């Protein structure tokens, strides 16, 4: 199963920089980087929960499931 990240779009809509998100969520720059691209599937739920709380969204809003390609 693959996932695509919605983090960049949410951050843009909320006028949130990477630096602000790192501070509000109290996570590392590497965690934000992973959550913002195809590596989101390697993030723990704890990290995604911190990001969602900092952005005032639900964890499920941070990603979309990508259907398998045939």
C-alpha atoms as a PDB file:
ATOM      1  CA  UNK A   1       0.000   0.000   0.000  1.00  0.00           C
ATOM      2  CA  UNK A   2       1.305   3.445  -0.919  1.00  0.00           C
ATOM      3  CA  UNK A   3       0.486   6.835   0.505  1.00  0.00           C
ATOM      4  CA  UNK A   4       0.860  10.370  -0.774  1.00  0.00           C
ATOM      5  CA  UNK A   5       1.446  13.266   1.579  1.00  0.00           C
ATOM      6  CA  UNK A   6      -0.862  16.268   1.837  1.00  0.00           C
ATOM      7  CA  UNK A   7       1.461  18.057   4.266  1.00  0.00           C
ATOM      8  CA  UNK A   8       2.844  20.654   1.835  1.00  0.00           C
ATOM      9  CA  UNK A   9      -0.669  21.607   0.725  1.00  0.00           C
ATOM     10  CA  UNK A  10      -1.934  21.890   4.312  1.00  0.00           C
ATOM     11  CA  UNK A  11       1.107  23.916   5.353  1.00  0.00           C
ATOM     12  CA  UNK A  12       0.607  26.251   2.387  1.00  0.00           C
ATOM     13  CA  UNK A  13      -3.099  26.717   3.209  1.00  0.00           C
ATOM     14  CA  UNK A  14      -2.263  27.506   6.839  1.00  0.00           C
ATOM     15  CA  UNK A  15       0.716  29.729   5.964  1.00  0.00           C
ATOM     16  CA  UNK A  16       3.012  27.482   8.025  1.00  0.00           C
ATOM     17  CA  UNK A  17       6.727  27.261   7.320  1.00  0.00           C
ATOM     18  CA  UNK A  18       8.811  24.139   7.913  1.00  0.00           C
ATOM     19  CA  UNK A  19      10.612  25.912  10.744  1.00  0.00           C
ATOM     20  CA  UNK A  20       7.378  26.916  12.478  1.00  0.00           C
ATOM     21  CA  UNK A  21       5.963  23.409  12.123  1.00  0.00           C
ATOM     22  CA  UNK A  22       9.131  21.894  13.597  1.00  0.00           C
ATOM     23  CA  UNK A  23       8.857  24.228  16.575  1.00  0.00           C
ATOM     24  CA  UNK A  24       5.120  23.824  17.175  1.00  0.00           C
ATOM     25  CA  UNK A  25       5.228  20.036  16.776  1.00  0.00           C
ATOM     26  CA  UNK A  26       8.573  19.719  18.587  1.00  0.00           C
ATOM     27  CA  UNK A  27       9.957  17.331  15.996  1.00  0.00           C
ATOM     28  CA  UNK A  28      13.148  17.157  13.961  1.00  0.00           C
ATOM     29  CA  UNK A  29      13.612  18.611  10.484  1.00  0.00           C
ATOM     30  CA  UNK A  30      14.064  15.034   9.209  1.00  0.00           C
ATOM     31  CA  UNK A  31      10.632  14.067  10.531  1.00  0.00           C
ATOM     32  CA  UNK A  32       8.992  16.979   8.723  1.00  0.00           C
ATOM     33  CA  UNK A  33      10.876  16.085   5.542  1.00  0.00           C
ATOM     34  CA  UNK A  34       9.733  12.444   5.717  1.00  0.00           C
ATOM     35  CA  UNK A  35       6.133  13.468   6.378  1.00  0.00           C
ATOM     36  CA  UNK A  36       6.102  15.836   3.409  1.00  0.00           C
ATOM     37  CA  UNK A  37       7.007  13.352   0.674  1.00  0.00           C
ATOM     38  CA  UNK A  38       6.610   9.702  -0.325  1.00  0.00           C
ATOM     39  CA  UNK A  39       8.364   8.620   2.894  1.00  0.00           C
ATOM     40  CA  UNK A  40       5.284   9.525   4.948  1.00  0.00           C
ATOM     41  CA  UNK A  41       4.560   5.798   5.251  1.00  0.00           C
ATOM     42  CA  UNK A  42       7.733   5.489   7.372  1.00  0.00           C
ATOM     43  CA  UNK A  43       6.536   8.047   9.936  1.00  0.00           C
ATOM     44  CA  UNK A  44       5.196   6.815  13.252  1.00  0.00           C
ATOM     45  CA  UNK A  45       1.674   7.635  14.287  1.00  0.00           C
ATOM     46  CA  UNK A  46       3.154   9.572  17.196  1.00  0.00           C
ATOM     47  CA  UNK A  47       5.019  11.906  14.792  1.00  0.00           C
ATOM     48  CA  UNK A  48       1.988  12.260  12.520  1.00  0.00           C
ATOM     49  CA  UNK A  49      -0.122  13.016  15.596  1.00  0.00           C
ATOM     50  CA  UNK A  50       2.239  15.804  16.643  1.00  0.00           C
ATOM     51  CA  UNK A  51       2.176  17.279  13.139  1.00  0.00           C
ATOM     52  CA  UNK A  52      -1.627  17.075  12.958  1.00  0.00           C
ATOM     53  CA  UNK A  53      -1.999  18.744  16.347  1.00  0.00           C
ATOM     54  CA  UNK A  54       0.372  21.555  15.356  1.00  0.00           C
ATOM     55  CA  UNK A  55      -1.644  22.157  12.182  1.00  0.00           C
ATOM     56  CA  UNK A  56      -5.040  21.659  13.878  1.00  0.00           C
ATOM     57  CA  UNK A  57      -6.064  18.871  11.493  1.00  0.00           C
ATOM     58  CA  UNK A  58      -6.760  15.167  11.885  1.00  0.00           C
ATOM     59  CA  UNK A  59      -3.985  12.657  11.204  1.00  0.00           C
ATOM     60  CA  UNK A  60      -5.976  11.189   8.310  1.00  0.00           C
ATOM     61  CA  UNK A  61      -5.907  14.609   6.600  1.00  0.00           C
ATOM     62  CA  UNK A  62      -2.118  14.403   6.253  1.00  0.00           C
ATOM     63  CA  UNK A  63      -2.154  11.677   3.595  1.00  0.00           C
ATOM     64  CA  UNK A  64      -4.126   9.923   0.882  1.00  0.00           C
ATOM     65  CA  UNK A  65      -3.972   6.253   0.033  1.00  0.00           C
ATOM     66  CA  UNK A  66      -2.686   5.670  -3.504  1.00  0.00           C
ATOM     67  CA  UNK A  67      -4.480   2.827  -5.305  1.00  0.00           C
ATOM     68  CA  UNK A  68      -2.227   0.041  -6.589  1.00  0.00           C
ATOM     69  CA  UNK A  69      -1.169   0.265 -10.202  1.00  0.00           C
ATOM     70  CA  UNK A  70      -1.960  -2.687 -12.439  1.00  0.00           C
END
